[in-house]
C-alpha atoms as a PDB file:
ATOM      1  CA  UNK A   1     -20.299  45.853 -72.673  1.00  0.00           C
ATOM      2  CA  UNK A   2     -17.753  43.072 -72.171  1.00  0.00           C
ATOM      3  CA  UNK A   3     -18.234  43.259 -68.403  1.00  0.00           C
ATOM      4  CA  UNK A   4     -21.981  42.874 -68.838  1.00  0.00           C
ATOM      5  CA  UNK A   5     -21.488  39.919 -71.143  1.00  0.00           C
ATOM      6  CA  UNK A   6     -19.267  38.226 -68.576  1.00  0.00           C
ATOM      7  CA  UNK A   7     -21.604  38.983 -65.653  1.00  0.00           C
ATOM      8  CA  UNK A   8     -24.760  37.791 -67.373  1.00  0.00           C
ATOM      9  CA  UNK A   9     -23.768  34.080 -67.570  1.00  0.00           C
ATOM     10  CA  UNK A  10     -22.650  34.170 -63.946  1.00  0.00           C
ATOM     11  CA  UNK A  11     -25.926  35.711 -62.852  1.00  0.00           C
ATOM     12  CA  UNK A  12     -27.834  33.208 -64.922  1.00  0.00           C
ATOM     13  CA  UNK A  13     -25.906  30.348 -63.327  1.00  0.00           C
ATOM     14  CA  UNK A  14     -26.669  31.693 -59.847  1.00  0.00           C
ATOM     15  CA  UNK A  15     -30.363  32.262 -60.534  1.00  0.00           C
ATOM     16  CA  UNK A  16     -31.130  29.068 -62.423  1.00  0.00           C
ATOM     17  CA  UNK A  17     -30.539  26.622 -59.507  1.00  0.00           C
ATOM     18  CA  UNK A  18     -32.668  28.797 -57.231  1.00  0.00           C
ATOM     19  CA  UNK A  19     -35.499  28.865 -59.754  1.00  0.00           C
ATOM     20  CA  UNK A  20     -35.290  25.110 -60.272  1.00  0.00           C
ATOM     21  CA  UNK A  21     -35.287  24.568 -56.512  1.00  0.00           C
ATOM     22  CA  UNK A  22     -38.340  26.794 -56.125  1.00  0.00           C
ATOM     23  CA  UNK A  23     -40.144  24.848 -58.835  1.00  0.00           C
ATOM     24  CA  UNK A  24     -39.380  21.564 -57.103  1.00  0.00           C
ATOM     25  CA  UNK A  25     -40.512  22.899 -53.731  1.00  0.00           C
ATOM     26  CA  UNK A  26     -43.636  24.345 -55.312  1.00  0.00           C
ATOM     27  CA  UNK A  27     -44.622  21.065 -56.952  1.00  0.00           C
ATOM     28  CA  UNK A  28     -44.096  19.082 -53.753  1.00  0.00           C
ATOM     29  CA  UNK A  29     -46.002  21.660 -51.753  1.00  0.00           C
ATOM     30  CA  UNK A  30     -48.939  21.544 -54.177  1.00  0.00           C
ATOM     31  CA  UNK A  31     -48.970  17.752 -54.209  1.00  0.00           C
ATOM     32  CA  UNK A  32     -48.844  17.510 -50.416  1.00  0.00           C
ATOM     33  CA  UNK A  33     -51.467  20.220 -49.943  1.00  0.00           C
ATOM     34  CA  UNK A  34     -53.719  18.461 -52.452  1.00  0.00           C
ATOM     35  CA  UNK A  35     -53.487  15.195 -50.524  1.00  0.00           C
ATOM     36  CA  UNK A  36     -54.295  16.972 -47.248  1.00  0.00           C
ATOM     37  CA  UNK A  37     -57.346  18.639 -48.775  1.00  0.00           C
ATOM     38  CA  UNK A  38     -58.469  15.319 -50.254  1.00  0.00           C
ATOM     39  CA  UNK A  39     -58.212  13.500 -46.918  1.00  0.00           C
ATOM     40  CA  UNK A  40     -59.922  16.376 -45.084  1.00  0.00           C
ATOM     41  CA  UNK A  41     -62.838  16.344 -47.523  1.00  0.00           C
ATOM     42  CA  UNK A  42     -63.236  12.580 -47.131  1.00  0.00           C
ATOM     43  CA  UNK A  43     -63.234  12.935 -43.346  1.00  0.00           C
ATOM     44  CA  UNK A  44     -65.694  15.836 -43.332  1.00  0.00           C
ATOM     45  CA  UNK A  45     -68.187  14.211 -45.693  1.00  0.00           C
ATOM     46  CA  UNK A  46     -67.738  10.639 -44.459  1.00  0.00           C
ATOM     47  CA  UNK A  47     -71.360  10.389 -43.332  1.00  0.00           C
ATOM     48  CA  UNK A  48     -72.807  11.432 -46.683  1.00  0.00           C
ATOM     49  CA  UNK A  49     -70.531   9.401 -48.940  1.00  0.00           C
ATOM     50  CA  UNK A  50     -72.070   6.301 -50.583  1.00  0.00           C
ATOM     51  CA  UNK A  51     -70.119   3.869 -48.421  1.00  0.00           C
ATOM     52  CA  UNK A  52     -71.144   1.231 -45.927  1.00  0.00           C
ATOM     53  CA  UNK A  53     -71.178   1.622 -42.170  1.00  0.00           C
ATOM     54  CA  UNK A  54     -67.740   1.214 -40.603  1.00  0.00           C
ATOM     55  CA  UNK A  55     -69.154  -0.824 -37.691  1.00  0.00           C
ATOM     56  CA  UNK A  56     -71.542  -3.237 -39.450  1.00  0.00           C
ATOM     57  CA  UNK A  57     -69.983  -6.700 -39.340  1.00  0.00           C
ATOM     58  CA  UNK A  58     -70.600  -9.603 -41.718  1.00  0.00           C
ATOM     59  CA  UNK A  59     -69.064 -12.698 -40.167  1.00  0.00           C
ATOM     60  CA  UNK A  60     -69.669 -14.647 -43.381  1.00  0.00           C
ATOM     61  CA  UNK A  61     -67.371 -12.295 -45.288  1.00  0.00           C
ATOM     62  CA  UNK A  62     -64.381 -12.030 -42.958  1.00  0.00           C
ATOM     63  CA  UNK A  63     -61.163 -10.930 -44.697  1.00  0.00           C
ATOM     64  CA  UNK A  64     -62.953 -10.887 -48.048  1.00  0.00           C
ATOM     65  CA  UNK A  65     -60.799  -9.675 -50.959  1.00  0.00           C
ATOM     66  CA  UNK A  66     -61.611  -6.460 -52.822  1.00  0.00           C
ATOM     67  CA  UNK A  67     -64.821  -6.691 -54.811  1.00  0.00           C
ATOM     68  CA  UNK A  68     -67.566  -4.536 -56.317  1.00  0.00           C
ATOM     69  CA  UNK A  69     -69.360  -4.520 -52.955  1.00  0.00           C
ATOM     70  CA  UNK A  70     -66.237  -3.954 -50.838  1.00  0.00           C
ATOM     71  CA  UNK A  71     -63.703  -2.006 -52.882  1.00  0.00           C
ATOM     72  CA  UNK A  72     -60.862  -2.625 -50.409  1.00  0.00           C
ATOM     73  CA  UNK A  73     -62.209  -5.854 -48.949  1.00  0.00           C
ATOM     74  CA  UNK A  74     -63.272  -6.502 -45.375  1.00  0.00           C
ATOM     75  CA  UNK A  75     -61.432  -6.852 -42.077  1.00  0.00           C
ATOM     76  CA  UNK A  76     -61.312  -9.601 -39.455  1.00  0.00           C
ATOM     77  CA  UNK A  77     -64.973  -9.076 -38.543  1.00  0.00           C
ATOM     78  CA  UNK A  78     -66.302  -8.537 -42.054  1.00  0.00           C
ATOM     79  CA  UNK A  79     -66.459  -4.735 -41.804  1.00  0.00           C
ATOM     80  CA  UNK A  80     -65.891  -2.662 -44.920  1.00  0.00           C
ATOM     81  CA  UNK A  81     -62.240  -1.629 -45.028  1.00  0.00           C
ATOM     82  CA  UNK A  82     -62.734   1.470 -47.190  1.00  0.00           C
ATOM     83  CA  UNK A  83     -65.409   2.817 -44.865  1.00  0.00           C
ATOM     84  CA  UNK A  84     -63.198   2.242 -41.843  1.00  0.00           C
ATOM     85  CA  UNK A  85     -60.283   4.004 -43.546  1.00  0.00           C
ATOM     86  CA  UNK A  86     -62.393   7.079 -44.290  1.00  0.00           C
ATOM     87  CA  UNK A  87     -64.010   7.231 -40.849  1.00  0.00           C
ATOM     88  CA  UNK A  88     -60.637   6.489 -39.273  1.00  0.00           C
ATOM     89  CA  UNK A  89     -59.267   9.586 -40.999  1.00  0.00           C
ATOM     90  CA  UNK A  90     -61.931  11.621 -39.193  1.00  0.00           C
ATOM     91  CA  UNK A  91     -60.724  10.493 -35.751  1.00  0.00           C
ATOM     92  CA  UNK A  92     -57.018  10.714 -36.568  1.00  0.00           C
ATOM     93  CA  UNK A  93     -57.346  14.183 -38.102  1.00  0.00           C
ATOM     94  CA  UNK A  94     -59.607  15.433 -35.312  1.00  0.00           C
ATOM     95  CA  UNK A  95     -57.002  14.534 -32.718  1.00  0.00           C
ATOM     96  CA  UNK A  96     -54.124  15.590 -34.957  1.00  0.00           C
ATOM     97  CA  UNK A  97     -55.561  19.038 -35.646  1.00  0.00           C
ATOM     98  CA  UNK A  98     -57.205  19.868 -32.305  1.00  0.00           C
ATOM     99  CA  UNK A  99     -54.402  18.845 -29.954  1.00  0.00           C
ATOM    100  CA  UNK A 100     -51.771  21.198 -31.486  1.00  0.00           C
ATOM    101  CA  UNK A 101     -54.284  24.051 -31.209  1.00  0.00           C
ATOM    102  CA  UNK A 102     -53.958  23.811 -27.430  1.00  0.00           C
ATOM    103  CA  UNK A 103     -50.190  23.835 -27.731  1.00  0.00           C
ATOM    104  CA  UNK A 104     -49.986  26.741 -30.163  1.00  0.00           C
ATOM    105  CA  UNK A 105     -52.341  28.941 -28.104  1.00  0.00           C
ATOM    106  CA  UNK A 106     -50.938  28.231 -24.632  1.00  0.00           C
ATOM    107  CA  UNK A 107     -47.335  27.669 -25.666  1.00  0.00           C
ATOM    108  CA  UNK A 108     -47.296  30.549 -28.141  1.00  0.00           C
ATOM    109  CA  UNK A 109     -48.610  33.000 -25.550  1.00  0.00           C
ATOM    110  CA  UNK A 110     -46.151  31.834 -22.886  1.00  0.00           C
ATOM    111  CA  UNK A 111     -43.220  31.980 -25.288  1.00  0.00           C
ATOM    112  CA  UNK A 112     -44.235  35.436 -26.516  1.00  0.00           C
ATOM    113  CA  UNK A 113     -44.450  36.818 -22.984  1.00  0.00           C
ATOM    114  CA  UNK A 114     -41.252  35.104 -21.842  1.00  0.00           C
ATOM    115  CA  UNK A 115     -39.242  36.363 -24.796  1.00  0.00           C
ATOM    116  CA  UNK A 116     -40.495  39.917 -24.378  1.00  0.00           C
ATOM    117  CA  UNK A 117     -40.439  40.508 -20.617  1.00  0.00           C
ATOM    118  CA  UNK A 118     -37.420  38.287 -19.816  1.00  0.00           C
ATOM    119  CA  UNK A 119     -36.186  38.235 -16.198  1.00  0.00           C
ATOM    120  CA  UNK A 120     -37.867  36.096 -13.557  1.00  0.00           C
ATOM    121  CA  UNK A 121     -40.924  35.416 -15.653  1.00  0.00           C
ATOM    122  CA  UNK A 122     -38.771  33.969 -18.425  1.00  0.00           C
ATOM    123  CA  UNK A 123     -36.881  31.815 -15.913  1.00  0.00           C
ATOM    124  CA  UNK A 124     -40.169  30.551 -14.480  1.00  0.00           C
ATOM    125  CA  UNK A 125     -41.563  29.687 -17.930  1.00  0.00           C
ATOM    126  CA  UNK A 126     -38.356  27.998 -19.089  1.00  0.00           C
ATOM    127  CA  UNK A 127     -38.188  26.009 -15.848  1.00  0.00           C
ATOM    128  CA  UNK A 128     -41.793  24.882 -16.186  1.00  0.00           C
ATOM    129  CA  UNK A 129     -41.178  23.838 -19.787  1.00  0.00           C
ATOM    130  CA  UNK A 130     -38.128  21.828 -18.753  1.00  0.00           C
ATOM    131  CA  UNK A 131     -40.140  20.065 -16.047  1.00  0.00           C
ATOM    132  CA  UNK A 132     -42.906  19.175 -18.491  1.00  0.00           C
ATOM    133  CA  UNK A 133     -40.368  17.914 -21.018  1.00  0.00           C
ATOM    134  CA  UNK A 134     -38.761  15.731 -18.357  1.00  0.00           C
ATOM    135  CA  UNK A 135     -42.085  14.082 -17.453  1.00  0.00           C
ATOM    136  CA  UNK A 136     -42.583  10.781 -19.347  1.00  0.00           C
ATOM    137  CA  UNK A 137     -45.381  11.444 -21.876  1.00  0.00           C
ATOM    138  CA  UNK A 138     -46.579   7.836 -21.940  1.00  0.00           C
ATOM    139  CA  UNK A 139     -47.039   7.838 -18.165  1.00  0.00           C
ATOM    140  CA  UNK A 140     -49.097  11.035 -18.354  1.00  0.00           C
ATOM    141  CA  UNK A 141     -51.252   9.577 -21.142  1.00  0.00           C
ATOM    142  CA  UNK A 142     -51.782   6.381 -19.138  1.00  0.00           C
ATOM    143  CA  UNK A 143     -52.715   8.276 -15.988  1.00  0.00           C
ATOM    144  CA  UNK A 144     -55.189  10.619 -17.689  1.00  0.00           C
ATOM    145  CA  UNK A 145     -56.897   7.962 -19.810  1.00  0.00           C
ATOM    146  CA  UNK A 146     -57.116   5.562 -16.861  1.00  0.00           C
ATOM    147  CA  UNK A 147     -58.666   8.216 -14.594  1.00  0.00           C
ATOM    148  CA  UNK A 148     -60.859  10.157 -17.034  1.00  0.00           C
ATOM    149  CA  UNK A 149     -61.535   7.488 -19.657  1.00  0.00           C
ATOM    150  CA  UNK A 150     -60.481   6.819 -23.238  1.00  0.00           C
ATOM    151  CA  UNK A 151     -62.347   9.514 -25.149  1.00  0.00           C
ATOM    152  CA  UNK A 152     -61.384  11.900 -27.921  1.00  0.00           C
ATOM    153  CA  UNK A 153     -61.548  15.058 -25.707  1.00  0.00           C
ATOM    154  CA  UNK A 154     -59.290  13.446 -23.096  1.00  0.00           C
ATOM    155  CA  UNK A 155     -56.829  12.319 -25.761  1.00  0.00           C
ATOM    156  CA  UNK A 156     -56.815  15.789 -27.309  1.00  0.00           C
ATOM    157  CA  UNK A 157     -56.207  17.373 -23.909  1.00  0.00           C
ATOM    158  CA  UNK A 158     -53.264  15.084 -23.076  1.00  0.00           C
ATOM    159  CA  UNK A 159     -51.544  15.495 -26.422  1.00  0.00           C
ATOM    160  CA  UNK A 160     -52.238  19.236 -26.402  1.00  0.00           C
ATOM    161  CA  UNK A 161     -50.602  19.698 -23.005  1.00  0.00           C
ATOM    162  CA  UNK A 162     -47.612  17.625 -24.099  1.00  0.00           C
ATOM    163  CA  UNK A 163     -47.178  19.931 -27.101  1.00  0.00           C
ATOM    164  CA  UNK A 164     -47.043  23.164 -25.069  1.00  0.00           C
ATOM    165  CA  UNK A 165     -43.264  23.064 -24.353  1.00  0.00           C
ATOM    166  CA  UNK A 166     -42.299  22.800 -28.030  1.00  0.00           C
ATOM    167  CA  UNK A 167     -44.516  25.726 -29.050  1.00  0.00           C
ATOM    168  CA  UNK A 168     -43.248  27.762 -26.088  1.00  0.00           C
ATOM    169  CA  UNK A 169     -39.668  27.315 -27.224  1.00  0.00           C
ATOM    170  CA  UNK A 170     -40.462  28.242 -30.823  1.00  0.00           C
ATOM    171  CA  UNK A 171     -42.384  31.385 -29.805  1.00  0.00           C
ATOM    172  CA  UNK A 172     -39.735  32.435 -27.277  1.00  0.00           C
ATOM    173  CA  UNK A 173     -36.894  32.010 -29.783  1.00  0.00           C
ATOM    174  CA  UNK A 174     -38.749  34.035 -32.421  1.00  0.00           C
ATOM    175  CA  UNK A 175     -39.619  36.763 -29.904  1.00  0.00           C
ATOM    176  CA  UNK A 176     -36.017  37.030 -28.699  1.00  0.00           C
ATOM    177  CA  UNK A 177     -34.853  37.622 -32.268  1.00  0.00           C
ATOM    178  CA  UNK A 178     -37.506  40.303 -32.857  1.00  0.00           C
ATOM    179  CA  UNK A 179     -37.719  42.108 -29.514  1.00  0.00           C
ATOM    180  CA  UNK A 180     -34.774  44.414 -30.281  1.00  0.00           C
ATOM    181  CA  UNK A 181     -35.587  45.060 -33.939  1.00  0.00           C
ATOM    182  CA  UNK A 182     -36.045  48.606 -35.203  1.00  0.00           C
ATOM    183  CA  UNK A 183     -39.841  48.516 -35.480  1.00  0.00           C
ATOM    184  CA  UNK A 184     -40.177  47.345 -31.863  1.00  0.00           C
ATOM    185  CA  UNK A 185     -37.720  49.956 -30.575  1.00  0.00           C
ATOM    186  CA  UNK A 186     -39.552  52.648 -32.562  1.00  0.00           C
ATOM    187  CA  UNK A 187     -42.921  51.614 -31.148  1.00  0.00           C
ATOM    188  CA  UNK A 188     -41.509  51.633 -27.619  1.00  0.00           C
ATOM    189  CA  UNK A 189     -39.953  55.076 -28.202  1.00  0.00           C
ATOM    190  CA  UNK A 190     -43.283  56.458 -29.414  1.00  0.00           C
ATOM    191  CA  UNK A 191     -44.890  55.381 -26.139  1.00  0.00           C
ATOM    192  CA  UNK A 192     -46.711  52.246 -27.250  1.00  0.00           C
ATOM    193  CA  UNK A 193     -47.978  50.046 -24.441  1.00  0.00           C
ATOM    194  CA  UNK A 194     -46.679  46.535 -23.843  1.00  0.00           C
ATOM    195  CA  UNK A 195     -49.965  45.079 -25.061  1.00  0.00           C
ATOM    196  CA  UNK A 196     -49.776  47.014 -28.331  1.00  0.00           C
ATOM    197  CA  UNK A 197     -46.168  45.985 -28.933  1.00  0.00           C
ATOM    198  CA  UNK A 198     -46.930  42.353 -28.141  1.00  0.00           C
ATOM    199  CA  UNK A 199     -50.087  41.937 -30.205  1.00  0.00           C
ATOM    200  CA  UNK A 200     -49.618  44.538 -32.966  1.00  0.00           C
ATOM    201  CA  UNK A 201     -45.878  44.360 -33.601  1.00  0.00           C
ATOM    202  CA  UNK A 202     -44.529  41.009 -32.389  1.00  0.00           C
ATOM    203  CA  UNK A 203     -47.440  38.582 -32.688  1.00  0.00           C
ATOM    204  CA  UNK A 204     -47.917  38.867 -36.489  1.00  0.00           C
ATOM    205  CA  UNK A 205     -44.230  38.064 -36.987  1.00  0.00           C
ATOM    206  CA  UNK A 206     -44.093  35.290 -34.386  1.00  0.00           C
ATOM    207  CA  UNK A 207     -47.246  33.733 -35.848  1.00  0.00           C
ATOM    208  CA  UNK A 208     -45.465  32.767 -39.089  1.00  0.00           C
ATOM    209  CA  UNK A 209     -42.995  30.271 -37.574  1.00  0.00           C
ATOM    210  CA  UNK A 210     -45.723  29.065 -35.210  1.00  0.00           C
ATOM    211  CA  UNK A 211     -48.017  28.209 -38.128  1.00  0.00           C
ATOM    212  CA  UNK A 212     -45.223  26.319 -39.863  1.00  0.00           C
ATOM    213  CA  UNK A 213     -44.423  24.426 -36.675  1.00  0.00           C
ATOM    214  CA  UNK A 214     -48.130  23.770 -36.136  1.00  0.00           C
ATOM    215  CA  UNK A 215     -48.292  21.735 -39.339  1.00  0.00           C
ATOM    216  CA  UNK A 216     -45.255  19.724 -38.271  1.00  0.00           C
ATOM    217  CA  UNK A 217     -46.897  19.162 -34.886  1.00  0.00           C
ATOM    218  CA  UNK A 218     -50.049  17.879 -36.617  1.00  0.00           C
ATOM    219  CA  UNK A 219     -47.970  15.205 -38.328  1.00  0.00           C
ATOM    220  CA  UNK A 220     -46.335  14.180 -35.056  1.00  0.00           C
ATOM    221  CA  UNK A 221     -49.684  14.130 -33.239  1.00  0.00           C
ATOM    222  CA  UNK A 222     -51.232  11.848 -35.865  1.00  0.00           C
ATOM    223  CA  UNK A 223     -48.373   9.391 -35.365  1.00  0.00           C
ATOM    224  CA  UNK A 224     -48.657   9.599 -31.564  1.00  0.00           C
ATOM    225  CA  UNK A 225     -52.419   9.049 -31.689  1.00  0.00           C
ATOM    226  CA  UNK A 226     -51.888   6.059 -33.944  1.00  0.00           C
ATOM    227  CA  UNK A 227     -49.282   4.636 -31.581  1.00  0.00           C
ATOM    228  CA  UNK A 228     -51.535   5.104 -28.545  1.00  0.00           C
ATOM    229  CA  UNK A 229     -54.475   3.495 -30.356  1.00  0.00           C
ATOM    230  CA  UNK A 230     -52.210   0.641 -31.433  1.00  0.00           C
ATOM    231  CA  UNK A 231     -51.323   0.086 -27.766  1.00  0.00           C
ATOM    232  CA  UNK A 232     -54.975   0.295 -26.706  1.00  0.00           C
ATOM    233  CA  UNK A 233     -54.657   3.734 -25.069  1.00  0.00           C
ATOM    234  CA  UNK A 234     -56.504   5.744 -27.709  1.00  0.00           C
ATOM    235  CA  UNK A 235     -60.130   5.822 -28.730  1.00  0.00           C
ATOM    236  CA  UNK A 236     -61.648   2.427 -27.821  1.00  0.00           C
ATOM    237  CA  UNK A 237     -63.162   0.183 -30.513  1.00  0.00           C
ATOM    238  CA  UNK A 238     -65.411  -0.221 -32.388  1.00  0.00           C
ATOM    239  CA  UNK A 239     -64.687   3.392 -33.356  1.00  0.00           C
ATOM    240  CA  UNK A 240     -62.349   3.230 -36.357  1.00  0.00           C
ATOM    241  CA  UNK A 241     -58.917   4.797 -36.117  1.00  0.00           C
ATOM    242  CA  UNK A 242     -55.857   4.207 -38.241  1.00  0.00           C
ATOM    243  CA  UNK A 243     -53.896   3.076 -35.198  1.00  0.00           C
ATOM    244  CA  UNK A 244     -56.655   0.682 -34.132  1.00  0.00           C
ATOM    245  CA  UNK A 245     -56.861  -0.702 -37.675  1.00  0.00           C
ATOM    246  CA  UNK A 246     -53.110  -1.335 -37.738  1.00  0.00           C
ATOM    247  CA  UNK A 247     -53.344  -3.075 -34.369  1.00  0.00           C
ATOM    248  CA  UNK A 248     -56.231  -5.247 -35.536  1.00  0.00           C
ATOM    249  CA  UNK A 249     -54.493  -5.997 -38.831  1.00  0.00           C
ATOM    250  CA  UNK A 250     -51.361  -7.382 -37.181  1.00  0.00           C
ATOM    251  CA  UNK A 251     -53.368 -10.482 -36.259  1.00  0.00           C
ATOM    252  CA  UNK A 252     -53.796 -11.262 -39.967  1.00  0.00           C
ATOM    253  CA  UNK A 253     -50.358 -10.387 -41.332  1.00  0.00           C
ATOM    254  CA  UNK A 254     -49.821 -13.929 -42.603  1.00  0.00           C
ATOM    255  CA  UNK A 255     -53.321 -14.198 -44.156  1.00  0.00           C
ATOM    256  CA  UNK A 256     -54.311 -10.660 -45.207  1.00  0.00           C
ATOM    257  CA  UNK A 257     -51.399  -8.237 -44.731  1.00  0.00           C
ATOM    258  CA  UNK A 258     -53.361  -5.492 -46.521  1.00  0.00           C
ATOM    259  CA  UNK A 259     -55.446  -5.009 -43.346  1.00  0.00           C
ATOM    260  CA  UNK A 260     -52.393  -3.519 -41.632  1.00  0.00           C
ATOM    261  CA  UNK A 261     -50.644  -2.052 -44.645  1.00  0.00           C
ATOM    262  CA  UNK A 262     -53.541   0.058 -45.966  1.00  0.00           C
ATOM    263  CA  UNK A 263     -54.119   2.130 -42.786  1.00  0.00           C
ATOM    264  CA  UNK A 264     -50.350   2.343 -42.339  1.00  0.00           C
ATOM    265  CA  UNK A 265     -50.025   3.680 -45.897  1.00  0.00           C
ATOM    266  CA  UNK A 266     -52.815   6.212 -45.307  1.00  0.00           C
ATOM    267  CA  UNK A 267     -51.110   7.430 -42.127  1.00  0.00           C
ATOM    268  CA  UNK A 268     -47.718   7.529 -43.848  1.00  0.00           C
ATOM    269  CA  UNK A 269     -48.952   9.617 -46.786  1.00  0.00           C
ATOM    270  CA  UNK A 270     -50.878  12.019 -44.545  1.00  0.00           C
ATOM    271  CA  UNK A 271     -47.979  12.531 -42.147  1.00  0.00           C
ATOM    272  CA  UNK A 272     -45.579  12.967 -45.068  1.00  0.00           C
ATOM    273  CA  UNK A 273     -47.892  15.572 -46.617  1.00  0.00           C
ATOM    274  CA  UNK A 274     -48.117  17.600 -43.406  1.00  0.00           C
ATOM    275  CA  UNK A 275     -44.336  17.401 -43.001  1.00  0.00           C
ATOM    276  CA  UNK A 276     -43.733  18.608 -46.562  1.00  0.00           C
ATOM    277  CA  UNK A 277     -46.153  21.519 -46.211  1.00  0.00           C
ATOM    278  CA  UNK A 278     -44.737  22.443 -42.808  1.00  0.00           C
ATOM    279  CA  UNK A 279     -41.139  22.296 -44.042  1.00  0.00           C
ATOM    280  CA  UNK A 280     -41.999  24.432 -47.065  1.00  0.00           C
ATOM    281  CA  UNK A 281     -43.704  27.073 -44.928  1.00  0.00           C
ATOM    282  CA  UNK A 282     -40.834  26.998 -42.432  1.00  0.00           C
ATOM    283  CA  UNK A 283     -38.369  27.629 -45.256  1.00  0.00           C
ATOM    284  CA  UNK A 284     -40.501  30.470 -46.620  1.00  0.00           C
ATOM    285  CA  UNK A 285     -40.707  32.145 -43.202  1.00  0.00           C
ATOM    286  CA  UNK A 286     -37.018  31.616 -42.402  1.00  0.00           C
ATOM    287  CA  UNK A 287     -35.462  35.097 -42.110  1.00  0.00           C
ATOM    288  CA  UNK A 288     -31.921  33.860 -42.806  1.00  0.00           C
ATOM    289  CA  UNK A 289     -30.385  34.862 -46.141  1.00  0.00           C
ATOM    290  CA  UNK A 290     -30.863  32.318 -48.860  1.00  0.00           C
ATOM    291  CA  UNK A 291     -33.910  30.729 -47.304  1.00  0.00           C
ATOM    292  CA  UNK A 292     -36.813  30.040 -49.611  1.00  0.00           C
END
């Protein structure tokens, strides 16, 4: 009885920090996921919301302060700032969500095959990934947009291709850690084909870290799209984008700094939310002892 009495406080001390940490992670995850859902809903239903057109200009109301007609004021050309923020979320999220899809499909498949078959195929895949990583991404974006034009599909394609190496490395590392596990060895011993082992045994387990990394890649892609639009390499105006709005707002930093700060704040909160959700999922799928 005395031993149990001594052990109970120790166990309680060990469990309590873990429970508190889980509660903190859970609250942050819920808050970040709620923001992502909120922004996604605004972007999806932007055309049916009771807001003004993001491209209609009123030159008599340039840089107007917030009012009942323009809740967040107007920009340098008299366009409604709230409408441009909401429609800008549509472009930023479209690029941010679609580009990593290319990376997770192509890179995940290459990494899965390279980690399973090894040998020359693995060396070829790793070498190709290293070559793509060594190529300057800004030069590739400049070349593609200059040759094919500054459109959303072209931007998605460029950023998707640039994301393939990272997903390949994540999938290959996960496959290497799973390829010699008991369930894979048992399936191979029972005569399962390579396709069955790859897609029935390995893929469901490799998909978990890929999904977590996908959310982190979405955050990075949103920032990259904003940077390219800021430099004039993204979607051309008058289409609203958070990066374009920041670039246009820098001309009025001394008069109306809110024109640059509001889209920057929207991008910051969205990227932070995707990072928090991705980090939480990565911790939950981490097989190491003690991981959440």
